[in-house]
Protein backbone atom coordinates (compact mmCIF):
# COMPACT_ATOMS: atom_id res chain seq x y z
CA UNK A 1 -14.83 14.92 2.46
CA UNK A 2 -12.60 15.45 -0.58
CA UNK A 3 -8.92 16.01 0.20
CA UNK A 4 -6.78 17.88 -2.34
CA UNK A 5 -2.98 18.11 -2.16
CA UNK A 6 -1.49 20.78 -4.44
CA UNK A 7 2.26 20.74 -5.16
CA UNK A 8 2.92 19.51 -1.63
CA UNK A 9 6.62 19.48 -0.73
CA UNK A 10 8.43 18.80 2.55
CA UNK A 11 12.16 19.32 3.05
CA UNK A 12 14.20 18.60 6.17
CA UNK A 13 17.68 19.87 7.09
CA UNK A 14 20.45 17.41 6.29
CA UNK A 15 21.74 15.35 9.22
CA UNK A 16 25.20 15.64 7.72
CA UNK A 17 26.73 18.65 9.48
CA UNK A 18 29.19 19.13 6.63
CA UNK A 19 26.43 19.40 4.04
CA UNK A 20 23.89 22.19 3.91
CA UNK A 21 21.79 20.40 1.31
CA UNK A 22 18.22 19.74 2.40
CA UNK A 23 16.60 16.31 2.28
CA UNK A 24 13.38 16.22 0.27
CA UNK A 25 10.93 13.81 1.93
CA UNK A 26 7.93 14.69 -0.25
CA UNK A 27 8.48 16.18 -3.68
CA UNK A 28 5.76 18.19 -5.44
CA UNK A 29 2.96 15.80 -4.50
CA UNK A 30 -0.22 16.56 -6.47
CA UNK A 31 -3.31 14.45 -5.84
CA UNK A 32 -7.06 14.61 -5.23
CA UNK A 33 -8.54 12.07 -2.81
CA UNK A 34 -12.24 11.54 -3.64
CA UNK A 35 -14.79 11.88 -0.85
CA UNK A 36 -15.76 8.69 0.98
CA UNK A 37 -12.97 6.51 -0.40
CA UNK A 38 -10.33 4.41 1.34
CA UNK A 39 -6.94 5.30 -0.11
CA UNK A 40 -3.84 3.18 0.43
CA UNK A 41 -0.64 5.28 0.56
CA UNK A 42 1.98 2.71 -0.31
CA UNK A 43 5.72 2.54 -0.67
CA UNK A 44 8.97 1.28 0.88
CA UNK A 45 10.35 2.67 4.13
CA UNK A 46 11.60 6.23 3.67
CA UNK A 47 9.46 7.00 0.62
CA UNK A 48 7.62 9.89 2.32
CA UNK A 49 4.23 8.33 2.94
CA UNK A 50 4.11 9.00 6.71
CA UNK A 51 5.41 12.54 6.16
CA UNK A 52 2.57 13.09 3.68
CA UNK A 53 0.07 11.82 6.26
CA UNK A 54 1.58 14.06 8.94
CA UNK A 55 1.17 17.10 6.68
CA UNK A 56 -2.47 16.20 5.99
CA UNK A 57 -3.04 15.89 9.75
CA UNK A 58 -1.22 19.13 10.55
CA UNK A 59 1.53 17.52 12.62
CA UNK A 60 4.07 18.63 9.99
CA UNK A 61 3.99 21.96 8.13
CA UNK A 62 4.71 21.69 4.40
CA UNK A 63 7.72 23.54 3.00
CA UNK A 64 5.52 24.53 0.06
CA UNK A 65 2.15 23.59 -1.44
CA UNK A 66 -1.40 23.65 -0.09
CA UNK A 67 -3.84 21.21 1.52
CA UNK A 68 -7.60 21.48 1.01
CA UNK A 69 -10.45 19.67 2.79
CA UNK A 70 -13.28 20.19 0.33
CA UNK A 71 -12.97 23.84 -0.71
CA UNK A 72 -11.34 24.94 2.57
CA UNK A 73 -7.60 25.58 2.66
CA UNK A 74 -6.45 23.89 5.90
CA UNK A 75 -2.69 24.24 5.33
CA UNK A 76 -2.31 26.63 8.26
CA UNK A 77 -5.14 25.24 10.41
CA UNK A 78 -4.12 23.58 13.70
CA UNK A 79 -4.49 19.76 13.83
CA UNK A 80 -7.25 19.90 16.45
CA UNK A 81 -9.33 22.16 14.21
CA UNK A 82 -9.02 20.14 10.98
CA UNK A 83 -11.68 17.56 11.81
CA UNK A 84 -9.35 14.58 11.52
CA UNK A 85 -9.13 11.26 13.34
CA UNK A 86 -5.61 9.88 13.63
CA UNK A 87 -4.56 6.30 14.47
CA UNK A 88 -0.87 5.55 14.94
CA UNK A 89 1.19 2.38 14.61
CA UNK A 90 1.46 2.20 18.39
CA UNK A 91 -2.02 2.40 19.87
CA UNK A 92 -1.19 5.33 22.20
CA UNK A 93 -3.87 4.33 24.70
CA UNK A 94 -3.83 5.62 28.27
CA UNK A 95 -2.95 2.52 30.33
CA UNK A 96 -4.61 3.77 33.54
CA UNK A 97 -7.96 4.48 31.84
CA UNK A 98 -10.69 2.01 30.91
CA UNK A 99 -11.68 1.38 27.30
CA UNK A 100 -14.69 3.65 27.81
CA UNK A 101 -12.57 6.49 29.20
CA UNK A 102 -9.98 6.13 26.42
CA UNK A 103 -12.72 6.41 23.80
CA UNK A 104 -14.45 9.46 25.31
CA UNK A 105 -11.22 11.31 26.11
CA UNK A 106 -11.33 13.50 22.94
CA UNK A 107 -14.86 14.64 23.84
CA UNK A 108 -13.91 15.68 27.38
CA UNK A 109 -11.78 18.52 26.04
CA UNK A 110 -14.61 20.13 24.09
CA UNK A 111 -15.64 23.58 25.32
CA UNK A 112 -18.38 26.11 24.68
CA UNK A 113 -21.14 25.16 22.27
CA UNK A 114 -19.38 21.89 21.45
CA UNK A 115 -19.33 20.68 25.05
CA UNK A 116 -21.36 17.49 25.59
CA UNK A 117 -23.16 16.08 28.60
CA UNK A 118 -21.91 12.88 30.21
CA UNK A 119 -24.99 11.07 28.87
CA UNK A 120 -24.28 12.20 25.30
CA UNK A 121 -20.60 11.19 25.59
CA UNK A 122 -21.59 7.76 26.94
CA UNK A 123 -24.08 7.32 24.11
CA UNK A 124 -21.49 8.17 21.45
CA UNK A 125 -18.89 5.93 23.08
CA UNK A 126 -21.26 2.97 22.98
CA UNK A 127 -22.15 3.65 19.34
CA UNK A 128 -18.54 3.63 18.14
CA UNK A 129 -17.69 0.69 20.43
CA UNK A 130 -20.46 -1.32 18.75
CA UNK A 131 -19.16 -0.23 15.36
CA UNK A 132 -15.72 -1.69 16.10
CA UNK A 133 -17.21 -4.57 18.10
CA UNK A 134 -15.66 -3.90 21.52
CA UNK A 135 -18.81 -2.93 23.43
CA UNK A 136 -18.31 -5.88 25.84
CA UNK A 137 -14.90 -4.59 26.98
CA UNK A 138 -15.77 -1.03 28.02
CA UNK A 139 -14.65 -1.44 31.64
CA UNK A 140 -11.38 -3.20 30.90
CA UNK A 141 -7.95 -1.57 30.89
CA UNK A 142 -5.80 -1.72 27.72
CA UNK A 143 -3.47 -4.30 29.33
CA UNK A 144 -6.42 -6.70 29.50
CA UNK A 145 -6.99 -6.58 25.74
CA UNK A 146 -5.32 -8.30 22.80
CA UNK A 147 -3.36 -6.24 20.26
CA UNK A 148 -6.26 -6.32 17.82
CA UNK A 149 -8.72 -5.16 20.48
CA UNK A 150 -6.40 -2.31 21.49
CA UNK A 151 -6.21 -1.19 17.88
CA UNK A 152 -10.02 -1.17 17.72
CA UNK A 153 -10.10 1.07 20.80
CA UNK A 154 -7.72 3.47 19.04
CA UNK A 155 -9.97 3.49 15.95
CA UNK A 156 -13.07 4.06 18.10
CA UNK A 157 -11.36 7.00 19.81
CA UNK A 158 -10.53 8.49 16.40
CA UNK A 159 -14.12 8.04 15.19
CA UNK A 160 -15.98 9.41 18.21
CA UNK A 161 -15.60 13.03 17.06
CA UNK A 162 -17.10 12.07 13.68
CA UNK A 163 -14.00 13.19 11.74
CA UNK A 164 -14.09 14.52 8.20
CA UNK A 165 -10.98 12.47 7.40
CA UNK A 166 -9.61 9.35 9.11
CA UNK A 167 -5.82 8.91 8.94
CA UNK A 168 -4.24 5.53 9.69
CA UNK A 169 -0.43 5.33 9.97
CA UNK A 170 0.78 1.70 9.72
CA UNK A 171 -2.09 0.62 12.02
CA UNK A 172 -1.50 -3.12 11.66
CA UNK A 173 2.29 -3.33 11.98
CA UNK A 174 2.25 -4.49 15.60
CA UNK A 175 -0.20 -7.35 15.02
CA UNK A 176 0.56 -10.97 14.19
CA UNK A 177 -0.36 -12.29 10.74
CA UNK A 178 -3.80 -13.65 11.64
CA UNK A 179 -4.82 -10.57 13.61
CA UNK A 180 -3.54 -8.35 10.83
CA UNK A 181 -5.80 -10.06 8.32
CA UNK A 182 -8.80 -9.86 10.64
CA UNK A 183 -8.23 -6.22 11.57
CA UNK A 184 -7.74 -5.02 8.00
CA UNK A 185 -11.11 -6.58 7.13
CA UNK A 186 -12.59 -4.68 10.09
CA UNK A 187 -11.08 -1.41 8.91
CA UNK A 188 -12.69 -1.87 5.49
CA UNK A 189 -16.06 -2.73 7.06
CA UNK A 190 -15.92 0.30 9.39
CA UNK A 191 -14.93 2.63 6.56
CA UNK A 192 -17.75 1.42 4.34
CA UNK A 193 -20.28 1.79 7.16
CA UNK A 194 -19.19 5.30 8.17
CA UNK A 195 -18.38 6.58 4.68
CA UNK A 196 -15.55 8.70 6.10
CA UNK A 197 -12.68 9.51 3.73
CA UNK A 198 -9.80 7.33 4.94
CA UNK A 199 -6.08 7.43 4.16
CA UNK A 200 -4.22 4.27 5.11
CA UNK A 201 -0.40 4.32 5.17
CA UNK A 202 1.42 1.01 4.80
CA UNK A 203 4.55 -0.55 3.30
CA UNK A 204 2.68 -3.87 2.92
CA UNK A 205 1.42 -3.99 -0.67
CA UNK A 206 -0.86 -6.97 -0.02
CA UNK A 207 -2.50 -5.03 2.82
CA UNK A 208 -3.04 -1.95 0.66
CA UNK A 209 -4.32 -3.86 -2.36
CA UNK A 210 -6.80 -5.93 -0.36
CA UNK A 211 -8.81 -3.09 1.22
CA UNK A 212 -8.14 0.12 -0.75
CA UNK A 213 -10.44 1.70 -3.32
CA UNK A 214 -7.36 3.39 -4.79
CA UNK A 215 -3.67 2.95 -4.11
CA UNK A 216 -1.03 5.66 -4.35
CA UNK A 217 2.48 4.29 -4.90
CA UNK A 218 5.41 6.46 -3.76
CA UNK A 219 9.18 6.27 -4.11
CA UNK A 220 11.76 8.76 -2.80
CA UNK A 221 9.04 11.30 -2.05
CA UNK A 222 7.66 11.21 -5.59
CA UNK A 223 4.32 9.97 -6.79
CA UNK A 224 4.77 6.93 -9.04
CA UNK A 225 1.23 5.80 -9.86
CA UNK A 226 -2.38 6.16 -8.73
CA UNK A 227 -5.16 3.72 -9.58
CA UNK A 228 -7.38 0.87 -8.56
CA UNK A 229 -5.28 -1.91 -7.02
CA UNK A 230 -5.88 -4.45 -9.79
CA UNK A 231 -5.26 -1.86 -12.51
CA UNK A 232 -1.94 -0.83 -11.00
CA UNK A 233 -0.94 -4.49 -10.69
CA UNK A 234 -1.97 -5.28 -14.28
CA UNK A 235 -0.64 -2.06 -15.83
CA UNK A 236 2.35 -0.77 -13.82
CA UNK A 237 3.53 2.66 -14.93
CA UNK A 238 7.20 1.87 -14.49
CA UNK A 239 9.74 -0.78 -13.49
CA UNK A 240 9.66 0.22 -9.81
CA UNK A 241 5.88 -0.19 -9.49
CA UNK A 242 6.03 -3.55 -11.26
CA UNK A 243 8.71 -4.81 -8.87
CA UNK A 244 7.06 -3.38 -5.76
CA UNK A 245 3.60 -4.87 -6.29
CA UNK A 246 2.96 -8.58 -6.25
CA UNK A 247 3.52 -11.64 -4.06
CA UNK A 248 5.58 -13.51 -5.17
CA UNK A 249 7.43 -10.61 -6.76
CA UNK A 250 7.50 -10.15 -10.51
CA UNK A 251 10.34 -11.98 -12.30
CA UNK A 252 12.76 -9.53 -13.92
CA UNK A 253 15.08 -9.94 -16.90
CA UNK A 254 17.28 -8.06 -19.31
CA UNK A 255 15.88 -8.36 -22.82
CA UNK A 256 16.02 -7.01 -26.31
CA UNK A 257 13.42 -6.13 -28.91
CA UNK A 258 14.66 -7.08 -32.36
CA UNK A 259 12.72 -7.28 -35.63
CA UNK A 260 9.35 -7.19 -33.84
CA UNK A 261 10.17 -9.92 -31.32
CA UNK A 262 11.23 -9.97 -27.67
CA UNK A 263 14.40 -11.89 -26.88
CA UNK A 264 15.49 -12.90 -23.38
CA UNK A 265 19.02 -14.20 -23.72
CA UNK A 266 19.01 -16.31 -26.89
CA UNK A 267 15.31 -17.24 -26.52
CA UNK A 268 12.83 -15.58 -28.90
CA UNK A 269 9.92 -15.56 -26.44
CA UNK A 270 7.17 -13.25 -27.68
CA UNK A 271 5.97 -10.93 -30.45
CA UNK A 272 6.64 -7.26 -29.66
CA UNK A 273 4.69 -5.52 -32.42
CA UNK A 274 4.98 -1.76 -32.62
CA UNK A 275 8.28 -1.41 -30.75
CA UNK A 276 11.53 -0.32 -32.35
CA UNK A 277 14.69 -2.33 -31.78
CA UNK A 278 16.07 -1.59 -28.31
CA UNK A 279 17.36 -3.00 -25.04
CA UNK A 280 14.63 -3.41 -22.41
CA UNK A 281 13.88 -4.58 -18.91
CA UNK A 282 11.32 -7.38 -18.84
CA UNK A 283 8.91 -8.20 -16.01
CA UNK A 284 6.93 -11.46 -16.05
CA UNK A 285 4.35 -12.09 -13.34
CA UNK A 286 4.66 -15.52 -11.66
CA UNK A 287 1.25 -16.50 -13.04
CA UNK A 288 2.35 -15.60 -16.58
CA UNK A 289 4.15 -18.91 -17.28
CA UNK A 290 2.56 -21.92 -18.98
CA UNK A 291 4.47 -25.20 -18.99
CA UNK A 292 4.83 -26.17 -22.64
CA UNK A 293 7.22 -28.78 -24.05
CA UNK A 294 7.48 -26.73 -27.24
CA UNK A 295 7.57 -23.38 -25.43
CA UNK A 296 10.19 -20.85 -26.53
CA UNK A 297 11.38 -19.88 -23.05
CA UNK A 298 13.81 -22.55 -21.86
CA UNK A 299 14.96 -22.52 -18.23
CA UNK A 300 17.06 -24.68 -15.94
CA UNK A 301 14.77 -26.35 -13.38
CA UNK A 302 15.94 -25.98 -9.78
CA UNK A 303 12.98 -26.99 -7.58
CA UNK A 304 9.27 -27.76 -7.52
CA UNK A 305 7.49 -26.51 -4.39
CA UNK A 306 4.01 -27.87 -3.66
CA UNK A 307 1.70 -25.26 -2.07
CA UNK A 308 -1.63 -27.13 -2.14
CA UNK A 309 -3.82 -25.51 -4.77
CA UNK A 310 -0.81 -24.15 -6.65
CA UNK A 311 2.74 -25.25 -7.38
CA UNK A 312 5.76 -22.96 -7.39
CA UNK A 313 8.35 -23.84 -10.02
CA UNK A 314 11.81 -22.42 -9.30
CA UNK A 315 14.17 -22.11 -12.25
CA UNK A 316 17.02 -20.02 -13.64
CA UNK A 317 17.82 -18.39 -16.98
CA UNK A 318 20.81 -16.53 -18.37
CA UNK A 319 18.80 -13.30 -18.78
CA UNK A 320 17.37 -13.06 -15.27
CA UNK A 321 18.14 -10.12 -12.98
CA UNK A 322 17.04 -11.78 -9.73
CA UNK A 323 18.58 -14.88 -8.14
CA UNK A 324 15.86 -17.19 -9.48
CA UNK A 325 12.62 -17.34 -11.45
CA UNK A 326 9.44 -18.26 -9.62
CA UNK A 327 6.48 -19.48 -11.69
CA UNK A 328 3.07 -20.23 -10.16
CA UNK A 329 1.11 -22.95 -11.95
CA UNK A 330 -1.89 -25.16 -11.13
CA UNK A 331 -0.97 -28.25 -9.11
CA UNK A 332 -2.40 -30.59 -11.73
CA UNK A 333 0.23 -29.26 -14.16
CA UNK A 334 3.09 -29.92 -11.75
CA UNK A 335 6.25 -30.94 -13.65
CA UNK A 336 8.58 -33.81 -12.87
CA UNK A 337 11.06 -32.43 -10.33
CA UNK A 338 13.84 -34.63 -11.73
CA UNK A 339 13.90 -32.73 -15.05
CA UNK A 340 16.98 -30.65 -15.77
CA UNK A 341 15.30 -28.24 -18.18
CA UNK A 342 11.78 -26.86 -18.38
CA UNK A 343 10.14 -24.94 -21.22
CA UNK A 344 7.46 -22.28 -20.93
CA UNK A 345 5.22 -20.29 -23.21
CA UNK A 346 4.26 -16.88 -21.82
CA UNK A 347 0.91 -15.13 -21.34
CA UNK A 348 1.34 -11.78 -23.16
CA UNK A 349 -0.89 -9.91 -20.66
CA UNK A 350 1.48 -10.90 -17.85
CA UNK A 351 4.63 -9.72 -19.62
CA UNK A 352 5.66 -6.07 -19.19
CA UNK A 353 8.46 -4.25 -21.00
CA UNK A 354 10.26 -1.17 -19.70
CA UNK A 355 12.62 1.28 -21.35
CA UNK A 356 16.13 0.59 -20.09
CA UNK A 357 16.94 4.29 -19.70
CA UNK A 358 13.74 5.81 -18.26
CA UNK A 359 12.31 2.57 -16.80
CA UNK A 360 8.88 3.69 -18.06
CA UNK A 361 6.53 0.97 -19.31
CA UNK A 362 6.41 0.31 -23.06
CA UNK A 363 3.09 -0.65 -24.62
CA UNK A 364 3.14 -3.41 -27.22
């Protein structure tokens, strides 16, 4: 099911009693979510991603704009009639019911022509339980399950009504690191098997990039960039997106384009053909550094951290905006930690320039 958001805006009254100004949580959001895809809605806390999800689900009414499922305008349709499955950060399971009874609960409220027999409900419950691999726990109570298993029950309950759209709001936040990794792989497998259009809200960029077909990056209620995860990482639209995506984070600097070259501090580090002379912000991905004795980018070496396959080189430079520079290199190229200075050449594809006023990316 295709989901289309047209000029979607949500404003809330200000909490400041002295101010009558409204707070804009989502600002003129315009986006088409292709049918059958898993979309990662990504951004820092307070960016409006959960509010957007709540408007798609019907839990929040938009201040303006429209929401379409396929060709049907569902903006004013009640949540229970939209054909959605919703999974929250907290599992919201009924503690006194078994896994089986939690899963079938949405079907027990069906009336009229939609009403199902007990046998049909049991059959559906077993099908979705097998899909999420909890069929052996149907008679247990939620308290007898691990966090990951409880989350699977919540997903099964959302899927049992065969929703047109599956909405997941920070579904992995309550899990430990290992369970989070395992469960996100399960979510991707389930989505691919069912083919249901899925919108996955998270502030964890690694989570979003690992399982999403497309990611939507938000900031302060505004859409920043939409694209395939690797494309957004490789070609960030602006300085915010570049800084938000990536682990370790992109290294940031103040720089200057002069006479067709990029300068960071006094170092003439790279050709910048096609750009006029100007002050810029510079972003260099950690994997964009190559240790080179004759390299133009000269830094003060602070530490060498061995991470097994890779080595993290920590250094500083007069032009940096962050507290340190982190470069990821192959372990066989590990430098001598006793050195005071280290020189790098840079991979042009891993260096991004941004206008200092607009913070939009500059192509060179």
